């Protein structure tokens, strides 16, 4: 039993923030588990995040959001966040990004983690789903220094909101924001990985290379299917 816990009424019991290693450390289970990530309560919270149902009115809200995105694109003033995965540069609309995070451990879920689903990361005491953008886009990355529960040292992580909820994914580098007009988009080159081209609405000339502008709808839907 926990010596102190958060009042009931929350979908996920985040006792690790209060009685666990990120709180008072008063939980009697710590003597057995040594750390909250080894506790069944922590693992169960992760499974709840993956198994949660869509909220009421979600489809209507998503339809309105996509319609609003179409209006913004017609205005010809679209803001992107540019990031690199391996040797390839990609971008998504800035509004989907919540934060650029420092590298942190990835805790795998037994029998659930896979090629796209890495596991869970802790963002200020809240468990967030971590996915592999390199696996999803089939982009080769440098595997040096990679082990079972860490991303390569020094790699930032991007915290985003998507149609399947908040997500975190590691990237090789974050450049920053860039504004463009949709008329600037060009067809994806043949050199772009086939999987990446499936989620790319076009490319933008940029410096001495190009940026693949990802289409968030199909990309996030593919991620959602991988979490089922």
Protein backbone atom coordinates (compact mmCIF):
# COMPACT_ATOMS: atom_id res chain seq x y z
CA UNK A 1 0.00 0.00 0.00
CA UNK A 2 1.11 3.57 -0.62
CA UNK A 3 1.80 5.67 2.44
CA UNK A 4 0.41 8.68 0.59
CA UNK A 5 -1.42 8.97 -2.73
CA UNK A 6 -3.29 11.40 -4.89
CA UNK A 7 -7.05 11.66 -4.38
CA UNK A 8 -9.14 9.42 -6.65
CA UNK A 9 -11.03 10.75 -9.65
CA UNK A 10 -8.13 10.79 -12.13
CA UNK A 11 -8.06 8.39 -15.07
CA UNK A 12 -4.41 7.62 -14.38
CA UNK A 13 -3.18 7.33 -10.80
CA UNK A 14 0.12 9.22 -10.85
CA UNK A 15 1.30 8.22 -7.39
CA UNK A 16 4.92 8.43 -8.61
CA UNK A 17 4.55 12.22 -8.50
CA UNK A 18 3.46 12.21 -4.87
CA UNK A 19 4.66 9.17 -2.96
CA UNK A 20 7.21 7.91 -5.48
CA UNK A 21 10.65 8.92 -6.73
CA UNK A 22 9.34 12.25 -8.10
CA UNK A 23 7.57 13.03 -4.84
CA UNK A 24 8.17 12.37 -1.16
CA UNK A 25 9.56 8.83 -1.70
CA UNK A 26 7.23 7.67 1.07
CA UNK A 27 5.83 4.71 -0.85
CA UNK A 28 6.55 1.41 0.87
CA UNK A 29 6.76 -0.34 -2.53
CA UNK A 30 10.03 1.46 -3.30
CA UNK A 31 11.85 -0.91 -0.96
CA UNK A 32 10.85 -3.75 -3.29
CA UNK A 33 10.91 -2.06 -6.74
CA UNK A 34 13.76 0.48 -6.11
CA UNK A 35 12.22 2.82 -8.73
CA UNK A 36 8.68 3.66 -9.87
CA UNK A 37 9.36 2.47 -13.45
CA UNK A 38 9.66 -1.08 -12.05
CA UNK A 39 6.26 -0.92 -10.33
CA UNK A 40 3.10 -2.52 -11.73
CA UNK A 41 1.15 0.70 -11.02
CA UNK A 42 3.47 2.63 -13.36
CA UNK A 43 3.18 -0.08 -16.04
CA UNK A 44 -0.61 -0.22 -15.68
CA UNK A 45 -0.82 3.55 -16.19
CA UNK A 46 1.12 3.15 -19.42
CA UNK A 47 -1.27 0.47 -20.65
CA UNK A 48 -4.23 2.71 -19.82
CA UNK A 49 -2.79 5.42 -22.04
CA UNK A 50 -2.55 2.99 -24.95
CA UNK A 51 -5.99 1.43 -24.42
CA UNK A 52 -7.97 4.61 -23.81
CA UNK A 53 -11.00 5.25 -26.03
CA UNK A 54 -11.52 8.40 -28.08
CA UNK A 55 -13.36 11.09 -26.19
CA UNK A 56 -16.95 12.01 -27.04
CA UNK A 57 -17.09 14.44 -29.94
CA UNK A 58 -13.53 13.65 -31.01
CA UNK A 59 -14.39 13.05 -34.68
CA UNK A 60 -16.32 16.31 -34.96
CA UNK A 61 -13.50 18.22 -33.28
CA UNK A 62 -10.90 16.67 -35.59
CA UNK A 63 -13.03 17.48 -38.68
CA UNK A 64 -13.24 21.13 -37.63
CA UNK A 65 -9.49 21.24 -36.99
CA UNK A 66 -8.65 19.83 -40.44
CA UNK A 67 -11.07 22.27 -42.06
CA UNK A 68 -9.36 25.15 -40.25
CA UNK A 69 -5.98 23.87 -41.46
CA UNK A 70 -7.24 24.03 -45.05
CA UNK A 71 -8.20 27.66 -44.58
CA UNK A 72 -4.76 28.50 -43.16
CA UNK A 73 -3.03 26.85 -46.11
CA UNK A 74 -5.01 28.96 -48.56
CA UNK A 75 -3.71 32.05 -46.79
CA UNK A 76 -0.21 31.14 -47.96
CA UNK A 77 1.49 31.77 -44.64
CA UNK A 78 2.23 28.35 -43.11
CA UNK A 79 4.67 27.89 -40.24
CA UNK A 80 6.71 24.68 -40.00
CA UNK A 81 9.10 23.23 -37.47
CA UNK A 82 12.09 21.68 -39.27
CA UNK A 83 13.89 18.66 -37.85
CA UNK A 84 16.33 16.02 -39.05
CA UNK A 85 15.98 12.24 -38.77
CA UNK A 86 19.19 10.51 -39.80
CA UNK A 87 20.36 12.40 -42.88
CA UNK A 88 16.88 13.48 -44.00
CA UNK A 89 15.18 16.79 -43.17
CA UNK A 90 11.46 16.85 -42.40
CA UNK A 91 8.90 19.38 -41.20
CA UNK A 92 5.44 19.47 -39.64
CA UNK A 93 3.13 22.43 -38.93
CA UNK A 94 4.41 24.34 -35.89
CA UNK A 95 1.04 24.27 -34.14
CA UNK A 96 1.30 20.53 -33.47
CA UNK A 97 4.47 20.91 -31.39
CA UNK A 98 4.21 21.39 -27.64
CA UNK A 99 7.89 21.42 -26.64
CA UNK A 100 11.46 20.47 -27.57
CA UNK A 101 12.72 18.13 -24.84
CA UNK A 102 16.16 17.15 -23.64
CA UNK A 103 17.12 13.49 -24.20
CA UNK A 104 15.63 11.16 -21.62
CA UNK A 105 15.23 7.40 -20.99
CA UNK A 106 12.59 5.42 -22.85
CA UNK A 107 10.88 2.77 -20.71
CA UNK A 108 9.58 -0.16 -22.75
CA UNK A 109 6.20 -1.78 -22.16
CA UNK A 110 6.32 -5.59 -22.01
CA UNK A 111 4.74 -7.19 -25.10
CA UNK A 112 3.71 -3.79 -26.51
CA UNK A 113 6.86 -1.99 -27.65
CA UNK A 114 7.80 -2.54 -31.28
CA UNK A 115 9.32 -0.96 -34.37
CA UNK A 116 7.19 2.20 -34.22
CA UNK A 117 6.17 2.16 -30.54
CA UNK A 118 9.30 2.66 -28.45
CA UNK A 119 7.63 2.80 -25.03
CA UNK A 120 7.02 5.57 -22.52
CA UNK A 121 8.94 8.65 -21.45
CA UNK A 122 8.42 10.81 -18.39
CA UNK A 123 7.62 14.45 -19.14
CA UNK A 124 7.47 16.37 -15.86
CA UNK A 125 6.00 13.38 -14.04
CA UNK A 126 3.45 12.49 -16.74
CA UNK A 127 3.83 9.34 -18.85
CA UNK A 128 3.86 10.04 -22.58
CA UNK A 129 3.95 7.58 -25.48
CA UNK A 130 7.25 7.55 -27.37
CA UNK A 131 7.37 6.54 -31.05
CA UNK A 132 10.23 6.06 -33.50
CA UNK A 133 9.94 8.44 -36.43
CA UNK A 134 12.95 6.81 -38.06
CA UNK A 135 11.18 3.42 -38.07
CA UNK A 136 7.92 4.91 -39.29
CA UNK A 137 9.59 6.79 -42.16
CA UNK A 138 12.14 4.00 -42.75
CA UNK A 139 15.06 6.40 -42.46
CA UNK A 140 18.45 5.03 -41.44
CA UNK A 141 19.99 6.51 -38.32
CA UNK A 142 23.31 6.06 -36.56
CA UNK A 143 22.75 3.21 -34.09
CA UNK A 144 25.90 3.91 -32.06
CA UNK A 145 25.37 4.26 -28.33
CA UNK A 146 21.79 3.04 -28.66
CA UNK A 147 20.61 0.47 -26.08
CA UNK A 148 17.30 -0.92 -24.88
CA UNK A 149 16.02 2.11 -23.00
CA UNK A 150 17.88 5.21 -24.16
CA UNK A 151 18.00 7.27 -27.30
CA UNK A 152 21.51 8.17 -28.53
CA UNK A 153 23.25 10.66 -26.25
CA UNK A 154 22.54 14.26 -27.21
CA UNK A 155 19.49 13.58 -29.39
CA UNK A 156 16.59 15.94 -28.65
CA UNK A 157 12.98 14.78 -28.46
CA UNK A 158 9.90 16.49 -29.86
CA UNK A 159 6.70 16.58 -27.81
CA UNK A 160 3.67 16.86 -30.10
CA UNK A 161 -0.10 16.66 -29.98
CA UNK A 162 -1.69 14.35 -32.52
CA UNK A 163 -5.00 12.73 -33.37
CA UNK A 164 -4.05 9.82 -31.07
CA UNK A 165 -3.04 12.07 -28.16
CA UNK A 166 0.26 13.55 -27.07
CA UNK A 167 3.38 11.83 -28.41
CA UNK A 168 7.14 12.10 -28.04
CA UNK A 169 9.65 11.14 -30.71
CA UNK A 170 13.46 11.50 -30.79
CA UNK A 171 15.13 13.27 -33.71
CA UNK A 172 18.74 13.79 -34.77
CA UNK A 173 18.53 17.60 -34.82
CA UNK A 174 16.02 20.45 -34.53
CA UNK A 175 16.61 23.45 -36.82
CA UNK A 176 13.70 25.72 -35.88
CA UNK A 177 10.67 27.30 -37.54
CA UNK A 178 10.23 28.29 -41.18
CA UNK A 179 7.34 29.94 -43.05
CA UNK A 180 6.36 29.06 -46.60
CA UNK A 181 3.62 29.36 -49.20
CA UNK A 182 1.99 26.13 -50.40
CA UNK A 183 2.83 27.16 -53.99
CA UNK A 184 6.50 26.59 -53.14
CA UNK A 185 5.98 22.84 -52.66
CA UNK A 186 7.57 20.53 -55.20
CA UNK A 187 6.97 16.79 -55.84
CA UNK A 188 8.96 14.44 -53.61
CA UNK A 189 12.20 13.24 -55.28
CA UNK A 190 12.80 9.57 -56.07
CA UNK A 191 15.64 9.54 -53.54
CA UNK A 192 13.20 10.02 -50.64
CA UNK A 193 12.50 6.78 -48.77
CA UNK A 194 9.29 5.11 -50.00
CA UNK A 195 7.71 5.06 -46.53
CA UNK A 196 8.53 8.75 -46.04
CA UNK A 197 7.04 9.64 -49.42
CA UNK A 198 3.74 8.04 -48.34
CA UNK A 199 3.36 10.76 -45.69
CA UNK A 200 4.90 13.65 -47.64
CA UNK A 201 2.75 16.29 -49.31
CA UNK A 202 5.76 17.83 -51.06
CA UNK A 203 9.28 19.15 -50.59
CA UNK A 204 10.67 22.64 -50.11
CA UNK A 205 14.05 23.76 -51.46
CA UNK A 206 16.13 24.73 -48.43
CA UNK A 207 19.79 25.71 -48.31
CA UNK A 208 21.66 23.03 -50.32
CA UNK A 209 19.04 20.33 -49.79
CA UNK A 210 15.28 19.93 -49.47
CA UNK A 211 12.75 19.53 -46.66
CA UNK A 212 10.07 16.85 -46.86
CA UNK A 213 6.88 18.49 -45.57
CA UNK A 214 4.94 15.72 -43.83
CA UNK A 215 1.17 15.44 -44.08
CA UNK A 216 0.05 15.21 -40.48
CA UNK A 217 -3.28 13.43 -41.13
CA UNK A 218 -1.94 10.19 -42.69
CA UNK A 219 1.16 10.28 -40.48
CA UNK A 220 -0.76 10.49 -37.20
CA UNK A 221 -3.31 7.93 -38.39
CA UNK A 222 -0.49 5.47 -39.09
CA UNK A 223 0.91 6.08 -35.61
CA UNK A 224 -2.53 5.55 -34.07
CA UNK A 225 -2.87 2.18 -35.85
CA UNK A 226 0.55 1.09 -34.56
CA UNK A 227 -0.60 1.74 -30.98
CA UNK A 228 -3.64 -0.54 -31.22
